[in-house]
Amino acid sequence: LPDGSGIDLCNQLRVTAPGVRSLILTSYDDEEAIVSAIRAGAAGYVLKEVHGDSLLSSVRAVADGQSLIDPAMARRVIQWIEQNNSGPEELAGLTDQQLRILELLAEGLTNREIGLRLYLAEKTVKNHVTRILATLGVQRRTQAALLASRLLPRQSTGTPVS
């Protein structure tokens, strides 16, 4: 971008247009770039090598409210976060129910899927997710999922470490 980076743009959008969902299309596949994008509020992160159909699916998924990171990149980012951060005290403000929902969110489940798994209405799950995001101080499900993957016990999230 001529005026800055996609990260800068995401930060600006988060402040000026908080309802806008951003998808980063980039050639940078390093962990720090991905974490920076998520912290800036990006709902998705896709490499430029993506094929047309996959890119279109990614755009639609983010527009539909989903968060999107390639699973291989997500594993690397989780490992990077584990090595560079610590502090389960970030989860102290969550109820047991919210922790269960956060675990499932980290597995990539939608609100509807979480509701079915926990026998909750989708709207109830949505309300919990909103409170989880506020408690964790993040704006996107992707950000919460990355925190959960770092902070929750490994067997709870089902996230493999290679």
N, C-alpha and C. Protein backbone atom coordinates (compact mmCIF):
# COMPACT_ATOMS: atom_id res chain seq x y z
N LEU A 1 0.84 -1.18 0.00
CA LEU A 1 0.00 0.00 0.00
C LEU A 1 0.88 1.25 0.00
N PRO A 2 0.52 2.25 -0.73
CA PRO A 2 1.37 3.44 -0.83
C PRO A 2 1.44 4.26 0.46
N ASP A 3 0.38 4.22 1.30
CA ASP A 3 0.34 5.06 2.50
C ASP A 3 0.70 4.32 3.77
N GLY A 4 1.08 3.08 3.69
CA GLY A 4 1.38 2.29 4.88
C GLY A 4 1.17 0.83 4.60
N SER A 5 0.95 0.06 5.65
CA SER A 5 0.79 -1.38 5.50
C SER A 5 -0.67 -1.79 5.71
N GLY A 6 -0.94 -3.04 5.40
CA GLY A 6 -2.26 -3.59 5.67
C GLY A 6 -2.56 -3.59 7.16
N ILE A 7 -1.53 -3.76 7.97
CA ILE A 7 -1.67 -3.72 9.42
C ILE A 7 -2.13 -2.32 9.85
N ASP A 8 -1.48 -1.30 9.28
CA ASP A 8 -1.88 0.08 9.59
C ASP A 8 -3.34 0.32 9.21
N LEU A 9 -3.72 -0.17 8.05
CA LEU A 9 -5.09 0.00 7.59
C LEU A 9 -6.08 -0.72 8.52
N CYS A 10 -5.73 -1.93 8.95
CA CYS A 10 -6.60 -2.66 9.89
C CYS A 10 -6.76 -1.88 11.19
N ASN A 11 -5.66 -1.35 11.70
CA ASN A 11 -5.73 -0.54 12.93
C ASN A 11 -6.65 0.66 12.74
N GLN A 12 -6.53 1.33 11.61
CA GLN A 12 -7.38 2.49 11.33
C GLN A 12 -8.84 2.08 11.22
N LEU A 13 -9.10 1.00 10.52
CA LEU A 13 -10.48 0.52 10.36
C LEU A 13 -11.10 0.11 11.69
N ARG A 14 -10.29 -0.49 12.55
CA ARG A 14 -10.79 -0.91 13.85
C ARG A 14 -11.33 0.28 14.64
N VAL A 15 -10.68 1.43 14.47
CA VAL A 15 -11.09 2.65 15.18
C VAL A 15 -12.21 3.38 14.44
N THR A 16 -12.05 3.56 13.14
CA THR A 16 -12.99 4.39 12.38
C THR A 16 -14.22 3.64 11.89
N ALA A 17 -14.10 2.34 11.67
CA ALA A 17 -15.22 1.54 11.16
C ALA A 17 -15.18 0.15 11.80
N PRO A 18 -15.49 0.06 13.10
CA PRO A 18 -15.33 -1.20 13.82
C PRO A 18 -16.13 -2.37 13.27
N GLY A 19 -17.17 -2.12 12.49
CA GLY A 19 -17.96 -3.20 11.93
C GLY A 19 -17.36 -3.83 10.69
N VAL A 20 -16.34 -3.20 10.13
CA VAL A 20 -15.72 -3.70 8.90
C VAL A 20 -14.80 -4.87 9.25
N ARG A 21 -14.94 -5.95 8.50
CA ARG A 21 -14.09 -7.14 8.70
C ARG A 21 -13.00 -7.13 7.65
N SER A 22 -11.77 -7.32 8.08
CA SER A 22 -10.61 -7.23 7.19
C SER A 22 -10.03 -8.61 6.91
N LEU A 23 -9.61 -8.80 5.67
CA LEU A 23 -8.89 -10.00 5.26
C LEU A 23 -7.56 -9.54 4.69
N ILE A 24 -6.47 -9.97 5.30
CA ILE A 24 -5.13 -9.60 4.83
C ILE A 24 -4.72 -10.58 3.73
N LEU A 25 -4.36 -10.06 2.58
CA LEU A 25 -3.81 -10.84 1.48
C LEU A 25 -2.37 -10.39 1.33
N THR A 26 -1.43 -11.29 1.60
CA THR A 26 -0.04 -10.89 1.72
C THR A 26 0.92 -11.98 1.27
N SER A 27 2.16 -11.59 1.13
CA SER A 27 3.21 -12.56 0.84
C SER A 27 4.00 -12.91 2.10
N TYR A 28 3.74 -12.21 3.20
CA TYR A 28 4.45 -12.44 4.46
C TYR A 28 3.83 -13.61 5.21
N ASP A 29 4.62 -14.66 5.43
CA ASP A 29 4.09 -15.81 6.15
C ASP A 29 4.80 -16.04 7.49
N ASP A 30 5.50 -15.00 7.97
CA ASP A 30 6.17 -15.17 9.26
C ASP A 30 5.18 -14.94 10.40
N GLU A 31 5.47 -15.56 11.52
CA GLU A 31 4.57 -15.55 12.66
C GLU A 31 4.27 -14.15 13.18
N GLU A 32 5.30 -13.31 13.25
CA GLU A 32 5.10 -11.96 13.78
C GLU A 32 4.13 -11.16 12.92
N ALA A 33 4.21 -11.33 11.61
CA ALA A 33 3.30 -10.60 10.71
C ALA A 33 1.86 -11.06 10.93
N ILE A 34 1.67 -12.35 11.10
CA ILE A 34 0.33 -12.88 11.31
C ILE A 34 -0.24 -12.39 12.65
N VAL A 35 0.57 -12.48 13.70
CA VAL A 35 0.12 -12.01 15.02
C VAL A 35 -0.19 -10.52 14.98
N SER A 36 0.64 -9.76 14.30
CA SER A 36 0.40 -8.31 14.18
C SER A 36 -0.93 -8.04 13.47
N ALA A 37 -1.21 -8.80 12.44
CA ALA A 37 -2.47 -8.62 11.70
C ALA A 37 -3.67 -8.93 12.59
N ILE A 38 -3.57 -10.00 13.35
CA ILE A 38 -4.67 -10.38 14.24
C ILE A 38 -4.86 -9.34 15.33
N ARG A 39 -3.76 -8.89 15.90
CA ARG A 39 -3.84 -7.85 16.94
C ARG A 39 -4.42 -6.55 16.37
N ALA A 40 -4.17 -6.30 15.10
CA ALA A 40 -4.70 -5.09 14.46
C ALA A 40 -6.18 -5.22 14.14
N GLY A 41 -6.71 -6.44 14.26
CA GLY A 41 -8.14 -6.63 14.03
C GLY A 41 -8.50 -7.39 12.77
N ALA A 42 -7.52 -7.92 12.06
CA ALA A 42 -7.83 -8.68 10.85
C ALA A 42 -8.62 -9.94 11.22
N ALA A 43 -9.65 -10.22 10.46
CA ALA A 43 -10.46 -11.42 10.69
C ALA A 43 -9.91 -12.60 9.90
N GLY A 44 -9.03 -12.33 8.95
CA GLY A 44 -8.46 -13.40 8.15
C GLY A 44 -7.09 -13.02 7.63
N TYR A 45 -6.31 -14.06 7.31
CA TYR A 45 -4.94 -13.86 6.84
C TYR A 45 -4.67 -14.92 5.78
N VAL A 46 -4.47 -14.48 4.54
CA VAL A 46 -4.30 -15.40 3.41
C VAL A 46 -3.04 -15.01 2.65
N LEU A 47 -2.29 -16.01 2.24
CA LEU A 47 -1.09 -15.75 1.43
C LEU A 47 -1.47 -15.53 -0.03
N LYS A 48 -0.68 -14.72 -0.71
CA LYS A 48 -0.96 -14.38 -2.11
C LYS A 48 -0.91 -15.58 -3.04
N GLU A 49 -0.32 -16.67 -2.59
CA GLU A 49 -0.24 -17.87 -3.43
C GLU A 49 -1.59 -18.58 -3.53
N VAL A 50 -2.59 -18.11 -2.82
CA VAL A 50 -3.90 -18.74 -2.80
C VAL A 50 -4.51 -18.73 -4.21
N HIS A 51 -5.21 -19.79 -4.54
CA HIS A 51 -5.88 -19.88 -5.84
C HIS A 51 -7.19 -19.10 -5.81
N GLY A 52 -7.67 -18.72 -6.97
CA GLY A 52 -8.86 -17.88 -7.09
C GLY A 52 -10.07 -18.37 -6.32
N ASP A 53 -10.41 -19.65 -6.45
CA ASP A 53 -11.58 -20.18 -5.74
C ASP A 53 -11.39 -20.12 -4.23
N SER A 54 -10.19 -20.43 -3.77
CA SER A 54 -9.91 -20.37 -2.33
C SER A 54 -9.97 -18.94 -1.82
N LEU A 55 -9.47 -18.01 -2.62
CA LEU A 55 -9.52 -16.60 -2.21
C LEU A 55 -10.97 -16.14 -2.10
N LEU A 56 -11.77 -16.51 -3.09
CA LEU A 56 -13.18 -16.14 -3.07
C LEU A 56 -13.87 -16.74 -1.84
N SER A 57 -13.58 -17.99 -1.53
CA SER A 57 -14.15 -18.64 -0.35
C SER A 57 -13.70 -17.93 0.93
N SER A 58 -12.45 -17.51 0.95
CA SER A 58 -11.92 -16.80 2.12
C SER A 58 -12.63 -15.47 2.32
N VAL A 59 -12.81 -14.73 1.24
CA VAL A 59 -13.51 -13.44 1.32
C VAL A 59 -14.93 -13.66 1.82
N ARG A 60 -15.60 -14.65 1.28
CA ARG A 60 -16.99 -14.93 1.69
C ARG A 60 -17.05 -15.35 3.16
N ALA A 61 -16.10 -16.18 3.58
CA ALA A 61 -16.09 -16.64 4.97
C ALA A 61 -15.93 -15.47 5.94
N VAL A 62 -14.99 -14.59 5.64
CA VAL A 62 -14.77 -13.43 6.51
C VAL A 62 -15.99 -12.51 6.48
N ALA A 63 -16.56 -12.31 5.30
CA ALA A 63 -17.76 -11.47 5.19
C ALA A 63 -18.93 -12.06 5.97
N ASP A 64 -18.97 -13.39 6.07
CA ASP A 64 -20.04 -14.06 6.81
C ASP A 64 -19.78 -14.11 8.32
N GLY A 65 -18.70 -13.49 8.75
CA GLY A 65 -18.42 -13.41 10.19
C GLY A 65 -17.44 -14.43 10.71
N GLN A 66 -16.90 -15.27 9.85
CA GLN A 66 -15.93 -16.26 10.30
C GLN A 66 -14.54 -15.64 10.37
N SER A 67 -13.68 -16.29 11.12
CA SER A 67 -12.27 -15.90 11.18
C SER A 67 -11.50 -16.96 10.41
N LEU A 68 -10.42 -16.54 9.78
CA LEU A 68 -9.75 -17.44 8.86
C LEU A 68 -8.24 -17.28 8.90
N ILE A 69 -7.56 -18.38 9.21
CA ILE A 69 -6.11 -18.46 9.09
C ILE A 69 -5.83 -19.88 8.61
N ASP A 70 -4.94 -20.01 7.66
CA ASP A 70 -4.56 -21.33 7.17
C ASP A 70 -4.10 -22.18 8.37
N PRO A 71 -4.60 -23.42 8.50
CA PRO A 71 -4.25 -24.24 9.66
C PRO A 71 -2.75 -24.42 9.87
N ALA A 72 -1.99 -24.56 8.80
CA ALA A 72 -0.53 -24.71 8.95
C ALA A 72 0.08 -23.45 9.54
N MET A 73 -0.39 -22.30 9.09
CA MET A 73 0.11 -21.03 9.64
C MET A 73 -0.33 -20.89 11.09
N ALA A 74 -1.55 -21.30 11.40
CA ALA A 74 -2.08 -21.17 12.76
C ALA A 74 -1.22 -21.96 13.74
N ARG A 75 -0.83 -23.18 13.37
CA ARG A 75 0.03 -23.98 14.25
C ARG A 75 1.35 -23.27 14.52
N ARG A 76 1.95 -22.70 13.48
CA ARG A 76 3.21 -21.98 13.66
C ARG A 76 3.03 -20.76 14.54
N VAL A 77 1.94 -20.04 14.35
CA VAL A 77 1.67 -18.85 15.16
C VAL A 77 1.47 -19.24 16.62
N ILE A 78 0.74 -20.30 16.85
CA ILE A 78 0.51 -20.76 18.23
C ILE A 78 1.84 -21.10 18.89
N GLN A 79 2.71 -21.81 18.18
CA GLN A 79 4.02 -22.13 18.73
C GLN A 79 4.82 -20.87 19.02
N TRP A 80 4.76 -19.92 18.12
CA TRP A 80 5.48 -18.65 18.31
C TRP A 80 4.97 -17.93 19.54
N ILE A 81 3.65 -17.87 19.69
CA ILE A 81 3.05 -17.20 20.85
C ILE A 81 3.46 -17.91 22.13
N GLU A 82 3.44 -19.23 22.12
CA GLU A 82 3.83 -19.99 23.31
C GLU A 82 5.27 -19.67 23.72
N GLN A 83 6.13 -19.47 22.76
CA GLN A 83 7.53 -19.18 23.05
C GLN A 83 7.75 -17.73 23.46
N ASN A 84 6.87 -16.83 23.06
CA ASN A 84 7.10 -15.41 23.28
C ASN A 84 6.18 -14.77 24.31
N ASN A 85 5.23 -15.49 24.82
CA ASN A 85 4.29 -14.93 25.79
C ASN A 85 3.94 -15.96 26.84
N SER A 86 3.41 -15.48 27.94
CA SER A 86 2.85 -16.37 28.96
C SER A 86 1.86 -15.58 29.80
N GLY A 87 1.04 -16.30 30.56
CA GLY A 87 0.14 -15.60 31.46
C GLY A 87 -1.31 -16.02 31.45
N PRO A 88 -1.66 -17.18 32.05
CA PRO A 88 -3.05 -17.59 32.11
C PRO A 88 -3.93 -16.66 32.93
N GLU A 89 -3.33 -15.68 33.62
CA GLU A 89 -4.14 -14.71 34.37
C GLU A 89 -5.10 -13.97 33.46
N GLU A 90 -4.84 -13.98 32.16
CA GLU A 90 -5.73 -13.33 31.21
C GLU A 90 -7.10 -14.00 31.17
N LEU A 91 -7.16 -15.26 31.59
CA LEU A 91 -8.41 -16.01 31.56
C LEU A 91 -9.18 -15.93 32.87
N ALA A 92 -8.62 -15.28 33.88
CA ALA A 92 -9.21 -15.27 35.22
C ALA A 92 -10.61 -14.68 35.24
N GLY A 93 -10.93 -13.76 34.35
CA GLY A 93 -12.24 -13.12 34.36
C GLY A 93 -13.34 -13.91 33.67
N LEU A 94 -13.03 -15.10 33.18
CA LEU A 94 -14.03 -15.89 32.45
C LEU A 94 -14.69 -16.91 33.37
N THR A 95 -15.99 -17.13 33.15
CA THR A 95 -16.71 -18.17 33.89
C THR A 95 -16.34 -19.53 33.31
N ASP A 96 -16.72 -20.60 34.02
CA ASP A 96 -16.45 -21.95 33.52
C ASP A 96 -17.12 -22.17 32.17
N GLN A 97 -18.35 -21.70 32.03
CA GLN A 97 -19.06 -21.84 30.76
C GLN A 97 -18.33 -21.09 29.64
N GLN A 98 -17.86 -19.89 29.93
CA GLN A 98 -17.14 -19.11 28.93
C GLN A 98 -15.82 -19.79 28.56
N LEU A 99 -15.16 -20.42 29.52
CA LEU A 99 -13.94 -21.16 29.22
C LEU A 99 -14.23 -22.34 28.29
N ARG A 100 -15.35 -23.05 28.55
CA ARG A 100 -15.72 -24.16 27.66
C ARG A 100 -16.00 -23.64 26.25
N ILE A 101 -16.70 -22.51 26.16
CA ILE A 101 -16.99 -21.92 24.86
C ILE A 101 -15.71 -21.47 24.18
N LEU A 102 -14.79 -20.89 24.94
CA LEU A 102 -13.51 -20.45 24.38
C LEU A 102 -12.71 -21.64 23.84
N GLU A 103 -12.74 -22.75 24.55
CA GLU A 103 -12.06 -23.96 24.07
C GLU A 103 -12.60 -24.39 22.70
N LEU A 104 -13.92 -24.39 22.57
CA LEU A 104 -14.54 -24.81 21.32
C LEU A 104 -14.31 -23.78 20.22
N LEU A 105 -14.31 -22.52 20.60
CA LEU A 105 -14.00 -21.45 19.65
C LEU A 105 -12.58 -21.65 19.09
N ALA A 106 -11.65 -22.04 19.97
CA ALA A 106 -10.27 -22.28 19.55
C ALA A 106 -10.16 -23.48 18.62
N GLU A 107 -11.13 -24.39 18.70
CA GLU A 107 -11.16 -25.54 17.78
C GLU A 107 -11.74 -25.16 16.43
N GLY A 108 -12.25 -23.93 16.33
CA GLY A 108 -12.78 -23.46 15.06
C GLY A 108 -14.27 -23.64 14.88
N LEU A 109 -14.98 -23.99 15.94
CA LEU A 109 -16.42 -24.20 15.83
C LEU A 109 -17.16 -22.87 15.70
N THR A 110 -18.27 -22.89 14.99
CA THR A 110 -19.13 -21.71 14.86
C THR A 110 -20.01 -21.61 16.11
N ASN A 111 -20.69 -20.48 16.27
CA ASN A 111 -21.61 -20.33 17.40
C ASN A 111 -22.67 -21.43 17.39
N ARG A 112 -23.17 -21.75 16.22
CA ARG A 112 -24.20 -22.79 16.10
C ARG A 112 -23.65 -24.14 16.55
N GLU A 113 -22.45 -24.48 16.09
CA GLU A 113 -21.84 -25.76 16.46
C GLU A 113 -21.55 -25.82 17.96
N ILE A 114 -21.09 -24.71 18.52
CA ILE A 114 -20.85 -24.65 19.97
C ILE A 114 -22.16 -24.86 20.72
N GLY A 115 -23.21 -24.19 20.25
CA GLY A 115 -24.52 -24.34 20.88
C GLY A 115 -25.00 -25.78 20.87
N LEU A 116 -24.84 -26.45 19.74
CA LEU A 116 -25.25 -27.85 19.64
C LEU A 116 -24.44 -28.73 20.59
N ARG A 117 -23.15 -28.46 20.67
CA ARG A 117 -22.27 -29.26 21.52
C ARG A 117 -22.58 -29.06 23.00
N LEU A 118 -22.91 -27.81 23.39
CA LEU A 118 -23.13 -27.49 24.81
C LEU A 118 -24.61 -27.38 25.18
N TYR A 119 -25.49 -27.68 24.22
CA TYR A 119 -26.94 -27.60 24.44
C TYR A 119 -27.36 -26.19 24.84
N LEU A 120 -26.86 -25.21 24.09
CA LEU A 120 -27.19 -23.81 24.31
C LEU A 120 -27.79 -23.23 23.03
N ALA A 121 -28.61 -22.21 23.17
CA ALA A 121 -29.13 -21.50 22.01
C ALA A 121 -27.98 -20.75 21.35
N GLU A 122 -28.04 -20.64 20.03
CA GLU A 122 -26.99 -19.93 19.30
C GLU A 122 -26.84 -18.49 19.81
N LYS A 123 -27.95 -17.85 20.12
CA LYS A 123 -27.91 -16.47 20.63
C LYS A 123 -27.20 -16.41 21.99
N THR A 124 -27.40 -17.42 22.82
CA THR A 124 -26.71 -17.48 24.12
C THR A 124 -25.21 -17.59 23.90
N VAL A 125 -24.81 -18.44 22.96
CA VAL A 125 -23.39 -18.59 22.64
C VAL A 125 -22.84 -17.26 22.14
N LYS A 126 -23.58 -16.60 21.27
CA LYS A 126 -23.14 -15.32 20.73
C LYS A 126 -22.92 -14.31 21.86
N ASN A 127 -23.83 -14.27 22.82
CA ASN A 127 -23.68 -13.37 23.96
C ASN A 127 -22.44 -13.71 24.78
N HIS A 128 -22.20 -15.01 25.00
CA HIS A 128 -21.00 -15.42 25.72
C HIS A 128 -19.74 -15.01 24.96
N VAL A 129 -19.73 -15.24 23.65
CA VAL A 129 -18.56 -14.88 22.84
C VAL A 129 -18.29 -13.38 22.94
N THR A 130 -19.33 -12.58 22.90
CA THR A 130 -19.17 -11.13 23.03
C THR A 130 -18.50 -10.79 24.36
N ARG A 131 -18.95 -11.44 25.44
CA ARG A 131 -18.36 -11.18 26.76
C ARG A 131 -16.93 -11.71 26.85
N ILE A 132 -16.67 -12.85 26.21
CA ILE A 132 -15.31 -13.40 26.19
C ILE A 132 -14.36 -12.42 25.51
N LEU A 133 -14.76 -11.92 24.35
CA LEU A 133 -13.91 -10.97 23.62
C LEU A 133 -13.64 -9.73 24.47
N ALA A 134 -14.67 -9.22 25.13
CA ALA A 134 -14.50 -8.03 25.97
C ALA A 134 -13.57 -8.32 27.14
N THR A 135 -13.75 -9.47 27.79
CA THR A 135 -12.93 -9.83 28.94
C THR A 135 -11.47 -10.00 28.54
N LEU A 136 -11.23 -10.60 27.39
CA LEU A 136 -9.86 -10.82 26.92
C LEU A 136 -9.26 -9.57 26.29
N GLY A 137 -10.08 -8.57 26.04
CA GLY A 137 -9.59 -7.33 25.44
C GLY A 137 -9.23 -7.47 23.98
N VAL A 138 -9.96 -8.33 23.28
CA VAL A 138 -9.74 -8.52 21.84
C VAL A 138 -11.03 -8.21 21.10
N GLN A 139 -10.92 -8.06 19.78
CA GLN A 139 -12.10 -7.71 19.00
C GLN A 139 -12.55 -8.82 18.06
N ARG A 140 -11.74 -9.80 17.83
CA ARG A 140 -12.06 -10.84 16.85
C ARG A 140 -11.97 -12.23 17.48
N ARG A 141 -12.78 -13.14 16.95
CA ARG A 141 -12.74 -14.53 17.38
C ARG A 141 -11.35 -15.13 17.17
N THR A 142 -10.71 -14.74 16.08
CA THR A 142 -9.37 -15.26 15.78
C THR A 142 -8.40 -14.90 16.89
N GLN A 143 -8.49 -13.68 17.38
CA GLN A 143 -7.61 -13.24 18.46
C GLN A 143 -7.87 -14.06 19.72
N ALA A 144 -9.13 -14.28 20.03
CA ALA A 144 -9.49 -15.07 21.21
C ALA A 144 -9.03 -16.51 21.05
N ALA A 145 -9.18 -17.06 19.84
CA ALA A 145 -8.76 -18.44 19.59
C ALA A 145 -7.25 -18.59 19.76
N LEU A 146 -6.49 -17.62 19.30
CA LEU A 146 -5.04 -17.69 19.47
C LEU A 146 -4.66 -17.60 20.95
N LEU A 147 -5.30 -16.73 21.68
CA LEU A 147 -5.05 -16.65 23.13
C LEU A 147 -5.41 -17.97 23.80
N ALA A 148 -6.55 -18.52 23.44
CA ALA A 148 -6.98 -19.79 24.03
C ALA A 148 -5.99 -20.90 23.72
N SER A 149 -5.51 -20.94 22.50
CA SER A 149 -4.56 -21.97 22.10
C SER A 149 -3.27 -21.86 22.90
N ARG A 150 -2.94 -20.65 23.26
CA ARG A 150 -1.71 -20.42 24.04
C ARG A 150 -1.95 -20.69 25.52
N LEU A 151 -3.11 -20.33 26.04
CA LEU A 151 -3.32 -20.31 27.48
C LEU A 151 -4.05 -21.51 28.04
N LEU A 152 -4.88 -22.16 27.25
CA LEU A 152 -5.63 -23.30 27.76
C LEU A 152 -4.80 -24.56 27.66
N PRO A 153 -5.08 -25.54 28.53
CA PRO A 153 -4.34 -26.81 28.44
C PRO A 153 -4.46 -27.41 27.05
N ARG A 154 -3.39 -27.99 26.56
CA ARG A 154 -3.32 -28.50 25.20
C ARG A 154 -4.42 -29.51 24.89
N GLN A 155 -4.75 -30.40 25.82
CA GLN A 155 -5.76 -31.41 25.54
C GLN A 155 -7.14 -30.80 25.40
N SER A 156 -7.38 -29.62 25.97
CA SER A 156 -8.70 -29.00 25.87
C SER A 156 -8.96 -28.43 24.50
N THR A 157 -7.96 -27.80 23.90
CA THR A 157 -8.18 -27.16 22.62
C THR A 157 -8.08 -28.12 21.46
N GLY A 158 -7.41 -29.25 21.66
CA GLY A 158 -7.24 -30.19 20.57
C GLY A 158 -6.29 -29.68 19.51
N THR A 159 -5.54 -28.64 19.83
CA THR A 159 -4.62 -28.06 18.86
C THR A 159 -3.31 -28.84 18.89
N PRO A 160 -2.94 -29.48 17.79
CA PRO A 160 -1.70 -30.25 17.79
C PRO A 160 -0.49 -29.33 17.76
N VAL A 161 0.56 -29.79 18.39
CA VAL A 161 1.83 -29.08 18.34
C VAL A 161 2.81 -29.98 17.62
N SER A 162 3.39 -29.49 16.54
CA SER A 162 4.32 -30.33 15.79
C SER A 162 5.74 -29.89 16.01
